[in-house]
N, C-alpha and C. Protein backbone atom coordinates (compact mmCIF):
# COMPACT_ATOMS: atom_id res chain seq x y z
N MET A 1 54.87 -7.61 -51.03
CA MET A 1 55.50 -6.30 -51.09
C MET A 1 55.77 -5.97 -52.55
N MET A 2 55.37 -4.79 -52.98
CA MET A 2 55.57 -4.37 -54.37
C MET A 2 56.90 -3.67 -54.49
N ALA A 3 57.43 -3.65 -55.72
CA ALA A 3 58.69 -2.95 -55.96
C ALA A 3 58.53 -1.49 -55.57
N GLY A 4 59.53 -0.93 -54.93
CA GLY A 4 59.50 0.46 -54.52
C GLY A 4 58.91 0.67 -53.14
N ASP A 5 58.33 -0.36 -52.56
CA ASP A 5 57.74 -0.22 -51.23
C ASP A 5 58.79 -0.27 -50.13
N GLY A 6 59.97 -0.76 -50.40
CA GLY A 6 61.00 -0.91 -49.38
C GLY A 6 60.72 -2.15 -48.55
N LEU A 7 61.55 -2.37 -47.56
CA LEU A 7 61.38 -3.50 -46.66
C LEU A 7 60.25 -3.21 -45.69
N ASP A 8 59.71 -4.23 -45.12
CA ASP A 8 58.70 -4.09 -44.08
C ASP A 8 59.32 -3.34 -42.91
N LEU A 9 58.59 -2.39 -42.34
CA LEU A 9 59.08 -1.59 -41.20
C LEU A 9 59.61 -2.48 -40.09
N ASN A 10 58.96 -3.59 -39.86
CA ASN A 10 59.38 -4.47 -38.77
C ASN A 10 60.78 -5.05 -39.00
N ILE A 11 61.19 -5.18 -40.25
CA ILE A 11 62.51 -5.75 -40.52
C ILE A 11 63.61 -4.85 -39.95
N ILE A 12 63.48 -3.55 -40.11
CA ILE A 12 64.50 -2.63 -39.58
C ILE A 12 64.51 -2.70 -38.05
N GLY A 13 63.34 -2.70 -37.44
CA GLY A 13 63.27 -2.82 -35.98
C GLY A 13 63.88 -4.11 -35.49
N TRP A 14 63.55 -5.22 -36.17
CA TRP A 14 64.12 -6.51 -35.77
C TRP A 14 65.61 -6.57 -36.07
N MET A 15 66.07 -5.88 -37.10
CA MET A 15 67.52 -5.85 -37.38
C MET A 15 68.26 -5.14 -36.26
N ILE A 16 67.66 -4.09 -35.72
CA ILE A 16 68.28 -3.38 -34.60
C ILE A 16 68.39 -4.32 -33.40
N VAL A 17 67.30 -5.03 -33.10
CA VAL A 17 67.31 -5.98 -31.99
C VAL A 17 68.34 -7.08 -32.24
N ALA A 18 68.36 -7.62 -33.46
CA ALA A 18 69.30 -8.69 -33.80
C ALA A 18 70.75 -8.19 -33.70
N CYS A 19 71.00 -6.97 -34.13
CA CYS A 19 72.36 -6.43 -34.05
C CYS A 19 72.79 -6.24 -32.60
N GLU A 20 71.88 -5.78 -31.74
CA GLU A 20 72.22 -5.61 -30.32
C GLU A 20 72.50 -6.96 -29.68
N ILE A 21 71.66 -7.94 -29.96
CA ILE A 21 71.88 -9.29 -29.43
C ILE A 21 73.19 -9.85 -29.99
N GLY A 22 73.39 -9.68 -31.29
CA GLY A 22 74.63 -10.16 -31.92
C GLY A 22 75.87 -9.51 -31.32
N PHE A 23 75.77 -8.21 -31.03
CA PHE A 23 76.89 -7.48 -30.42
C PHE A 23 77.31 -8.16 -29.12
N TRP A 24 76.33 -8.44 -28.24
CA TRP A 24 76.66 -9.03 -26.94
C TRP A 24 77.05 -10.50 -27.06
N ILE A 25 76.50 -11.21 -28.03
CA ILE A 25 76.91 -12.61 -28.24
C ILE A 25 78.35 -12.66 -28.69
N VAL A 26 78.72 -11.78 -29.64
CA VAL A 26 80.10 -11.76 -30.12
C VAL A 26 81.06 -11.38 -28.99
N ILE A 27 80.68 -10.42 -28.16
CA ILE A 27 81.52 -10.05 -27.02
C ILE A 27 81.64 -11.23 -26.05
N GLY A 28 80.51 -11.85 -25.73
CA GLY A 28 80.53 -13.01 -24.82
C GLY A 28 81.39 -14.14 -25.34
N LEU A 29 81.22 -14.48 -26.61
CA LEU A 29 82.04 -15.55 -27.20
C LEU A 29 83.52 -15.17 -27.21
N GLY A 30 83.79 -13.90 -27.52
CA GLY A 30 85.17 -13.44 -27.51
C GLY A 30 85.81 -13.58 -26.14
N LEU A 31 85.07 -13.21 -25.09
CA LEU A 31 85.60 -13.32 -23.73
C LEU A 31 85.74 -14.78 -23.30
N VAL A 32 84.79 -15.62 -23.67
CA VAL A 32 84.89 -17.06 -23.34
C VAL A 32 86.12 -17.65 -24.03
N MET A 33 86.30 -17.34 -25.30
CA MET A 33 87.48 -17.87 -26.02
C MET A 33 88.77 -17.37 -25.39
N ARG A 34 88.77 -16.11 -25.00
CA ARG A 34 89.96 -15.48 -24.46
C ARG A 34 90.34 -16.04 -23.09
N TYR A 35 89.36 -16.16 -22.18
CA TYR A 35 89.67 -16.51 -20.80
C TYR A 35 89.38 -17.95 -20.42
N VAL A 36 88.35 -18.54 -20.97
CA VAL A 36 88.01 -19.91 -20.59
C VAL A 36 88.84 -20.92 -21.40
N PHE A 37 88.92 -20.69 -22.72
CA PHE A 37 89.63 -21.64 -23.58
C PHE A 37 91.04 -21.18 -23.94
N ASN A 38 91.46 -20.03 -23.39
CA ASN A 38 92.80 -19.49 -23.59
C ASN A 38 93.16 -19.33 -25.07
N GLN A 39 92.18 -19.00 -25.88
CA GLN A 39 92.36 -18.76 -27.31
C GLN A 39 92.35 -17.25 -27.55
N LYS A 40 93.48 -16.61 -27.22
CA LYS A 40 93.55 -15.15 -27.24
C LYS A 40 93.29 -14.58 -28.64
N LYS A 41 93.89 -15.18 -29.68
CA LYS A 41 93.72 -14.65 -31.03
C LYS A 41 92.28 -14.81 -31.51
N LEU A 42 91.66 -15.95 -31.25
CA LEU A 42 90.28 -16.15 -31.64
C LEU A 42 89.36 -15.20 -30.86
N GLY A 43 89.65 -15.03 -29.58
CA GLY A 43 88.87 -14.09 -28.77
C GLY A 43 88.97 -12.67 -29.31
N LEU A 44 90.17 -12.24 -29.67
CA LEU A 44 90.38 -10.91 -30.24
C LEU A 44 89.65 -10.77 -31.57
N PHE A 45 89.72 -11.83 -32.40
CA PHE A 45 89.02 -11.82 -33.68
C PHE A 45 87.52 -11.63 -33.47
N LEU A 46 86.95 -12.36 -32.53
CA LEU A 46 85.51 -12.24 -32.27
C LEU A 46 85.16 -10.85 -31.75
N LEU A 47 85.98 -10.31 -30.87
CA LEU A 47 85.73 -8.96 -30.35
C LEU A 47 85.83 -7.92 -31.47
N ALA A 48 86.73 -8.18 -32.42
CA ALA A 48 86.91 -7.25 -33.54
C ALA A 48 85.76 -7.31 -34.55
N LEU A 49 84.90 -8.31 -34.43
CA LEU A 49 83.76 -8.43 -35.35
C LEU A 49 82.63 -7.45 -35.03
N THR A 50 82.68 -6.81 -33.88
CA THR A 50 81.57 -5.94 -33.49
C THR A 50 81.27 -4.84 -34.53
N PRO A 51 82.28 -4.22 -35.18
CA PRO A 51 81.94 -3.21 -36.20
C PRO A 51 81.22 -3.82 -37.42
N VAL A 52 81.43 -5.09 -37.69
CA VAL A 52 80.75 -5.74 -38.82
C VAL A 52 79.24 -5.73 -38.58
N ILE A 53 78.85 -5.88 -37.33
CA ILE A 53 77.42 -5.85 -36.98
C ILE A 53 76.84 -4.48 -37.32
N ASP A 54 77.58 -3.42 -37.03
CA ASP A 54 77.13 -2.07 -37.39
C ASP A 54 76.99 -1.92 -38.90
N LEU A 55 77.94 -2.48 -39.63
CA LEU A 55 77.91 -2.40 -41.09
C LEU A 55 76.67 -3.09 -41.66
N VAL A 56 76.32 -4.24 -41.10
CA VAL A 56 75.12 -4.97 -41.55
C VAL A 56 73.88 -4.10 -41.35
N LEU A 57 73.78 -3.46 -40.20
CA LEU A 57 72.62 -2.60 -39.93
C LEU A 57 72.60 -1.39 -40.86
N LEU A 58 73.76 -0.79 -41.11
CA LEU A 58 73.84 0.37 -41.99
C LEU A 58 73.42 0.00 -43.41
N VAL A 59 73.90 -1.12 -43.91
CA VAL A 59 73.55 -1.57 -45.26
C VAL A 59 72.05 -1.87 -45.35
N THR A 60 71.51 -2.57 -44.36
CA THR A 60 70.08 -2.89 -44.36
C THR A 60 69.23 -1.63 -44.39
N THR A 61 69.57 -0.66 -43.56
CA THR A 61 68.82 0.59 -43.50
C THR A 61 68.91 1.35 -44.82
N THR A 62 70.11 1.44 -45.38
CA THR A 62 70.32 2.15 -46.63
C THR A 62 69.55 1.50 -47.78
N VAL A 63 69.62 0.18 -47.87
CA VAL A 63 68.90 -0.55 -48.92
C VAL A 63 67.40 -0.32 -48.79
N ASP A 64 66.90 -0.34 -47.57
CA ASP A 64 65.48 -0.13 -47.35
C ASP A 64 65.05 1.25 -47.85
N LEU A 65 65.82 2.27 -47.50
CA LEU A 65 65.48 3.62 -47.95
C LEU A 65 65.66 3.76 -49.46
N TYR A 66 66.67 3.13 -49.99
CA TYR A 66 66.92 3.17 -51.43
C TYR A 66 65.75 2.58 -52.21
N HIS A 67 65.11 1.57 -51.64
CA HIS A 67 63.99 0.91 -52.30
C HIS A 67 62.67 1.63 -52.06
N GLY A 68 62.72 2.83 -51.50
CA GLY A 68 61.54 3.67 -51.45
C GLY A 68 60.80 3.74 -50.14
N SER A 69 61.30 3.16 -49.09
CA SER A 69 60.60 3.25 -47.81
C SER A 69 60.60 4.68 -47.29
N THR A 70 59.55 5.03 -46.61
CA THR A 70 59.52 6.30 -45.89
C THR A 70 60.33 6.09 -44.62
N ALA A 71 61.23 7.04 -44.35
CA ALA A 71 62.07 6.92 -43.16
C ALA A 71 61.19 6.94 -41.92
N THR A 72 61.45 6.02 -41.01
CA THR A 72 60.68 5.90 -39.77
C THR A 72 61.61 6.08 -38.58
N MET A 73 61.04 6.02 -37.40
CA MET A 73 61.85 6.09 -36.18
C MET A 73 62.82 4.91 -36.13
N ALA A 74 62.45 3.75 -36.68
CA ALA A 74 63.36 2.60 -36.70
C ALA A 74 64.62 2.92 -37.50
N HIS A 75 64.46 3.63 -38.62
CA HIS A 75 65.64 4.04 -39.41
C HIS A 75 66.51 5.00 -38.61
N ALA A 76 65.85 5.92 -37.90
CA ALA A 76 66.59 6.88 -37.08
C ALA A 76 67.32 6.17 -35.95
N ILE A 77 66.65 5.21 -35.32
CA ILE A 77 67.28 4.47 -34.22
C ILE A 77 68.47 3.67 -34.74
N ALA A 78 68.40 3.20 -35.98
CA ALA A 78 69.54 2.47 -36.57
C ALA A 78 70.76 3.40 -36.62
N ALA A 79 70.57 4.65 -37.03
CA ALA A 79 71.68 5.61 -37.08
C ALA A 79 72.19 5.90 -35.67
N VAL A 80 71.28 6.06 -34.72
CA VAL A 80 71.66 6.30 -33.33
C VAL A 80 72.45 5.10 -32.80
N TYR A 81 71.94 3.89 -33.06
CA TYR A 81 72.60 2.67 -32.60
C TYR A 81 74.03 2.59 -33.13
N ILE A 82 74.21 2.90 -34.40
CA ILE A 82 75.55 2.83 -35.00
C ILE A 82 76.47 3.85 -34.32
N GLY A 83 75.99 5.07 -34.10
CA GLY A 83 76.81 6.08 -33.42
C GLY A 83 77.19 5.66 -32.02
N VAL A 84 76.22 5.14 -31.28
CA VAL A 84 76.48 4.70 -29.90
C VAL A 84 77.43 3.51 -29.89
N SER A 85 77.23 2.58 -30.80
CA SER A 85 78.07 1.39 -30.85
C SER A 85 79.53 1.75 -31.15
N ILE A 86 79.72 2.68 -32.08
CA ILE A 86 81.10 3.08 -32.42
C ILE A 86 81.73 3.87 -31.27
N ALA A 87 80.99 4.82 -30.71
CA ALA A 87 81.55 5.68 -29.66
C ALA A 87 81.76 4.93 -28.34
N PHE A 88 80.83 4.05 -27.98
CA PHE A 88 80.90 3.36 -26.69
C PHE A 88 81.38 1.92 -26.80
N GLY A 89 81.56 1.42 -28.02
CA GLY A 89 81.91 0.00 -28.21
C GLY A 89 83.11 -0.45 -27.41
N LYS A 90 84.21 0.28 -27.51
CA LYS A 90 85.43 -0.11 -26.80
C LYS A 90 85.22 -0.11 -25.29
N SER A 91 84.56 0.92 -24.77
CA SER A 91 84.36 0.98 -23.32
C SER A 91 83.37 -0.09 -22.86
N MET A 92 82.38 -0.44 -23.70
CA MET A 92 81.45 -1.52 -23.34
C MET A 92 82.18 -2.87 -23.29
N ILE A 93 83.10 -3.06 -24.24
CA ILE A 93 83.88 -4.30 -24.24
C ILE A 93 84.78 -4.35 -23.01
N GLU A 94 85.43 -3.22 -22.68
CA GLU A 94 86.27 -3.17 -21.48
C GLU A 94 85.45 -3.43 -20.22
N TRP A 95 84.25 -2.84 -20.15
CA TRP A 95 83.35 -3.06 -19.01
C TRP A 95 83.03 -4.55 -18.87
N ALA A 96 82.67 -5.18 -19.98
CA ALA A 96 82.34 -6.61 -19.96
C ALA A 96 83.57 -7.44 -19.62
N ASP A 97 84.72 -7.05 -20.13
CA ASP A 97 85.97 -7.78 -19.91
C ASP A 97 86.32 -7.82 -18.41
N VAL A 98 86.25 -6.66 -17.76
CA VAL A 98 86.58 -6.59 -16.33
C VAL A 98 85.64 -7.46 -15.51
N ARG A 99 84.36 -7.37 -15.80
CA ARG A 99 83.38 -8.16 -15.05
C ARG A 99 83.48 -9.65 -15.34
N PHE A 100 83.78 -10.00 -16.58
CA PHE A 100 83.95 -11.41 -16.93
C PHE A 100 85.15 -12.00 -16.18
N GLN A 101 86.26 -11.24 -16.18
CA GLN A 101 87.45 -11.72 -15.46
C GLN A 101 87.16 -11.91 -13.97
N TYR A 102 86.45 -10.97 -13.37
CA TYR A 102 86.22 -11.05 -11.93
C TYR A 102 85.15 -12.07 -11.56
N TYR A 103 83.99 -11.99 -12.21
CA TYR A 103 82.86 -12.82 -11.80
C TYR A 103 82.89 -14.23 -12.38
N ILE A 104 83.43 -14.42 -13.56
CA ILE A 104 83.40 -15.73 -14.21
C ILE A 104 84.70 -16.51 -13.97
N THR A 105 85.83 -15.87 -14.29
CA THR A 105 87.10 -16.61 -14.16
C THR A 105 87.73 -16.44 -12.78
N LYS A 106 87.22 -15.49 -11.99
CA LYS A 106 87.75 -15.22 -10.64
C LYS A 106 89.24 -14.85 -10.68
N GLN A 107 89.68 -14.22 -11.77
CA GLN A 107 91.10 -13.91 -11.93
C GLN A 107 91.41 -12.42 -11.89
N GLY A 108 90.46 -11.59 -12.27
CA GLY A 108 90.75 -10.17 -12.36
C GLY A 108 90.43 -9.42 -11.09
N PRO A 109 90.76 -8.13 -11.08
CA PRO A 109 90.43 -7.31 -9.90
C PRO A 109 88.93 -7.03 -9.85
N ARG A 110 88.43 -6.77 -8.66
CA ARG A 110 87.01 -6.45 -8.47
C ARG A 110 86.70 -5.15 -9.20
N PRO A 111 85.60 -5.11 -9.94
CA PRO A 111 85.23 -3.86 -10.62
C PRO A 111 85.04 -2.74 -9.59
N THR A 112 85.54 -1.58 -9.91
CA THR A 112 85.48 -0.46 -8.98
C THR A 112 84.12 0.22 -9.05
N LYS A 113 83.67 0.71 -7.90
CA LYS A 113 82.45 1.51 -7.84
C LYS A 113 82.91 2.94 -7.63
N ARG A 114 82.62 3.76 -8.60
CA ARG A 114 83.08 5.15 -8.57
C ARG A 114 82.15 6.00 -7.70
N THR A 115 82.76 6.94 -6.98
CA THR A 115 82.01 7.90 -6.17
C THR A 115 82.71 9.24 -6.26
N GLY A 116 82.04 10.25 -5.75
CA GLY A 116 82.64 11.58 -5.66
C GLY A 116 83.11 12.14 -6.99
N MET A 117 84.26 12.81 -6.93
CA MET A 117 84.82 13.45 -8.12
C MET A 117 85.27 12.42 -9.16
N ASP A 118 85.68 11.24 -8.70
CA ASP A 118 86.06 10.19 -9.65
C ASP A 118 84.87 9.82 -10.53
N TYR A 119 83.69 9.68 -9.91
CA TYR A 119 82.47 9.37 -10.66
C TYR A 119 82.12 10.53 -11.59
N ALA A 120 82.22 11.76 -11.09
CA ALA A 120 81.89 12.94 -11.90
C ALA A 120 82.78 13.01 -13.13
N LYS A 121 84.08 12.79 -12.95
CA LYS A 121 85.01 12.83 -14.09
C LYS A 121 84.71 11.70 -15.07
N HIS A 122 84.42 10.52 -14.54
CA HIS A 122 84.10 9.38 -15.40
C HIS A 122 82.82 9.64 -16.19
N TYR A 123 81.82 10.21 -15.54
CA TYR A 123 80.56 10.52 -16.22
C TYR A 123 80.78 11.58 -17.29
N LEU A 124 81.61 12.58 -17.00
CA LEU A 124 81.91 13.62 -17.98
C LEU A 124 82.62 13.01 -19.20
N LYS A 125 83.51 12.06 -18.93
CA LYS A 125 84.19 11.36 -20.04
C LYS A 125 83.15 10.61 -20.88
N SER A 126 82.20 9.96 -20.22
CA SER A 126 81.17 9.23 -20.97
C SER A 126 80.27 10.21 -21.72
N TRP A 127 80.09 11.42 -21.20
CA TRP A 127 79.35 12.43 -21.95
C TRP A 127 80.11 12.79 -23.22
N GLY A 128 81.44 12.86 -23.12
CA GLY A 128 82.25 13.10 -24.32
C GLY A 128 82.03 12.00 -25.36
N GLN A 129 81.92 10.76 -24.89
CA GLN A 129 81.61 9.66 -25.80
C GLN A 129 80.21 9.84 -26.39
N HIS A 130 79.30 10.35 -25.58
CA HIS A 130 77.95 10.62 -26.07
C HIS A 130 77.99 11.66 -27.19
N VAL A 131 78.83 12.68 -27.03
CA VAL A 131 78.99 13.70 -28.07
C VAL A 131 79.50 13.04 -29.36
N LEU A 132 80.51 12.16 -29.23
CA LEU A 132 81.03 11.45 -30.41
C LEU A 132 79.93 10.61 -31.05
N ALA A 133 79.16 9.89 -30.25
CA ALA A 133 78.04 9.09 -30.77
C ALA A 133 77.05 9.99 -31.49
N TYR A 134 76.77 11.14 -30.89
CA TYR A 134 75.83 12.10 -31.49
C TYR A 134 76.34 12.58 -32.84
N VAL A 135 77.61 12.93 -32.91
CA VAL A 135 78.18 13.42 -34.17
C VAL A 135 78.08 12.34 -35.25
N ILE A 136 78.47 11.12 -34.91
CA ILE A 136 78.41 10.03 -35.88
C ILE A 136 76.96 9.78 -36.30
N GLY A 137 76.07 9.65 -35.33
CA GLY A 137 74.66 9.40 -35.63
C GLY A 137 74.02 10.54 -36.40
N ALA A 138 74.35 11.79 -36.01
CA ALA A 138 73.79 12.96 -36.70
C ALA A 138 74.26 13.01 -38.15
N VAL A 139 75.53 12.72 -38.38
CA VAL A 139 76.04 12.69 -39.76
C VAL A 139 75.29 11.63 -40.57
N LEU A 140 75.09 10.44 -39.97
CA LEU A 140 74.34 9.39 -40.67
C LEU A 140 72.91 9.83 -40.94
N LEU A 141 72.27 10.46 -39.96
CA LEU A 141 70.90 10.94 -40.16
C LEU A 141 70.83 12.00 -41.25
N ILE A 142 71.79 12.93 -41.25
CA ILE A 142 71.81 13.98 -42.27
C ILE A 142 72.05 13.37 -43.65
N ILE A 143 72.93 12.38 -43.73
CA ILE A 143 73.16 11.70 -45.02
C ILE A 143 71.88 11.01 -45.48
N LEU A 144 71.19 10.34 -44.56
CA LEU A 144 69.93 9.68 -44.92
C LEU A 144 68.88 10.69 -45.35
N ILE A 145 68.82 11.83 -44.66
CA ILE A 145 67.86 12.89 -45.04
C ILE A 145 68.19 13.39 -46.44
N TYR A 146 69.46 13.63 -46.70
CA TYR A 146 69.88 14.09 -48.03
C TYR A 146 69.62 13.01 -49.08
N PHE A 147 69.90 11.76 -48.72
CA PHE A 147 69.74 10.63 -49.63
C PHE A 147 68.28 10.48 -50.06
N VAL A 148 67.37 10.58 -49.13
CA VAL A 148 65.94 10.45 -49.42
C VAL A 148 65.42 11.72 -50.11
N SER A 149 65.83 12.86 -49.63
CA SER A 149 65.54 14.20 -50.18
C SER A 149 64.06 14.51 -50.39
N GLU A 150 63.21 13.88 -49.66
CA GLU A 150 61.78 14.19 -49.66
C GLU A 150 61.37 14.53 -48.24
N PRO A 151 61.10 15.80 -47.93
CA PRO A 151 60.77 16.18 -46.56
C PRO A 151 59.66 15.33 -45.92
N ALA A 152 58.67 14.94 -46.69
CA ALA A 152 57.59 14.14 -46.14
C ALA A 152 58.08 12.75 -45.72
N GLN A 153 59.14 12.28 -46.38
CA GLN A 153 59.67 10.95 -46.07
C GLN A 153 60.74 10.96 -44.99
N THR A 154 61.24 12.13 -44.63
CA THR A 154 62.35 12.20 -43.67
C THR A 154 61.95 12.85 -42.35
N GLU A 155 60.68 13.09 -42.16
CA GLU A 155 60.20 13.74 -40.95
C GLU A 155 60.66 13.03 -39.67
N ALA A 156 60.60 11.71 -39.66
CA ALA A 156 61.00 10.93 -38.48
C ALA A 156 62.49 11.10 -38.19
N LEU A 157 63.30 11.17 -39.24
CA LEU A 157 64.75 11.33 -39.04
C LEU A 157 65.05 12.70 -38.42
N GLU A 158 64.40 13.73 -38.93
CA GLU A 158 64.60 15.07 -38.38
C GLU A 158 64.11 15.16 -36.94
N GLY A 159 62.98 14.53 -36.66
CA GLY A 159 62.45 14.51 -35.30
C GLY A 159 63.39 13.80 -34.33
N ALA A 160 63.97 12.69 -34.79
CA ALA A 160 64.91 11.94 -33.95
C ALA A 160 66.15 12.77 -33.66
N LEU A 161 66.63 13.51 -34.64
CA LEU A 161 67.81 14.35 -34.45
C LEU A 161 67.51 15.45 -33.42
N ARG A 162 66.33 16.06 -33.51
CA ARG A 162 65.96 17.09 -32.53
C ARG A 162 65.86 16.49 -31.12
N LEU A 163 65.22 15.33 -31.01
CA LEU A 163 65.08 14.67 -29.71
C LEU A 163 66.45 14.31 -29.13
N TRP A 164 67.33 13.78 -29.96
CA TRP A 164 68.66 13.40 -29.50
C TRP A 164 69.44 14.63 -29.03
N THR A 165 69.24 15.76 -29.69
CA THR A 165 69.91 16.99 -29.26
C THR A 165 69.48 17.36 -27.85
N VAL A 166 68.18 17.25 -27.58
CA VAL A 166 67.66 17.54 -26.23
C VAL A 166 68.26 16.56 -25.22
N VAL A 167 68.31 15.28 -25.57
CA VAL A 167 68.87 14.26 -24.67
C VAL A 167 70.34 14.56 -24.39
N LEU A 168 71.09 14.98 -25.39
CA LEU A 168 72.51 15.31 -25.21
C LEU A 168 72.68 16.47 -24.23
N VAL A 169 71.83 17.47 -24.34
CA VAL A 169 71.90 18.63 -23.43
C VAL A 169 71.54 18.20 -22.01
N ILE A 170 70.51 17.38 -21.87
CA ILE A 170 70.13 16.88 -20.53
C ILE A 170 71.27 16.06 -19.93
N ASP A 171 71.91 15.24 -20.75
CA ASP A 171 73.05 14.44 -20.27
C ASP A 171 74.19 15.35 -19.80
N LEU A 172 74.42 16.46 -20.49
CA LEU A 172 75.44 17.43 -20.07
C LEU A 172 75.07 18.02 -18.71
N LEU A 173 73.80 18.36 -18.52
CA LEU A 173 73.35 18.91 -17.24
C LEU A 173 73.55 17.90 -16.11
N ILE A 174 73.30 16.63 -16.40
CA ILE A 174 73.54 15.58 -15.40
C ILE A 174 75.03 15.49 -15.09
N ALA A 175 75.86 15.56 -16.15
CA ALA A 175 77.32 15.49 -15.95
C ALA A 175 77.79 16.65 -15.07
N ILE A 176 77.28 17.84 -15.32
CA ILE A 176 77.65 19.01 -14.51
C ILE A 176 77.16 18.85 -13.07
N SER A 177 75.94 18.32 -12.91
CA SER A 177 75.39 18.16 -11.57
C SER A 177 76.22 17.20 -10.72
N ASN A 178 76.89 16.26 -11.35
CA ASN A 178 77.75 15.33 -10.60
C ASN A 178 78.94 16.05 -9.95
N PHE A 179 79.35 17.18 -10.51
CA PHE A 179 80.42 17.97 -9.91
C PHE A 179 79.87 18.83 -8.77
N ILE A 180 78.62 19.26 -8.90
CA ILE A 180 78.01 20.11 -7.88
C ILE A 180 77.55 19.26 -6.68
N TRP A 181 76.92 18.13 -6.97
CA TRP A 181 76.45 17.20 -5.94
C TRP A 181 77.10 15.85 -6.17
N PRO A 182 78.34 15.66 -5.74
CA PRO A 182 79.06 14.41 -6.01
C PRO A 182 78.33 13.19 -5.45
N LYS A 183 78.45 12.12 -6.18
CA LYS A 183 77.82 10.85 -5.79
C LYS A 183 78.53 10.31 -4.55
N LYS A 184 77.74 10.02 -3.54
CA LYS A 184 78.30 9.49 -2.29
C LYS A 184 78.34 7.97 -2.35
N ALA A 185 79.21 7.39 -1.57
CA ALA A 185 79.28 5.93 -1.50
C ALA A 185 77.94 5.40 -1.02
N GLY A 186 77.54 4.28 -1.58
CA GLY A 186 76.28 3.67 -1.20
C GLY A 186 75.18 3.89 -2.21
N ARG A 187 75.26 4.99 -3.01
CA ARG A 187 74.29 5.21 -4.09
C ARG A 187 74.68 4.33 -5.26
N LYS A 188 73.70 3.77 -5.93
CA LYS A 188 73.99 2.91 -7.09
C LYS A 188 74.52 3.76 -8.23
N SER A 189 75.50 3.21 -8.95
CA SER A 189 76.04 3.91 -10.11
C SER A 189 75.25 3.54 -11.34
N ILE A 190 75.38 4.40 -12.35
CA ILE A 190 74.69 4.17 -13.62
C ILE A 190 75.43 3.16 -14.44
């Protein structure tokens, strides 16, 4: 690799995969420490490390672009991943926590299966989290577009932002449809 070429495209893609795996490993270790070994402070510390994983991905992506890489879909997905991780991180940890307590330690209450208006309201709340993820990711994408400042090099970032906007609108339509056609018991939840 020559100076100014940036990192290999595969590195950013693999960093995204590594960060996702790391996210769930840190959550799993945190829950094991918390409930199996009764190490509440260590478990909390491990769970609190999840934003560090986002920081590693953000730094890697920024350094790659700084060194002259053309922005790719992998760079865009890194921004999306960071937005989703920040917006949904707490609820993903709570989701894992409830299931770990019930299925592994046999101590917590059975996870609830939402139906009807309860499901619709819950889905609408998660759409609100999607909006937050979108705002965070869009800001990161816009900063990266501004940072690179070469339209030919930022085409993938702009395309990802347009695609994500469409996905956000579709998700809103799904959220609204849950109020019109409430989920009945027996249908699998998302």
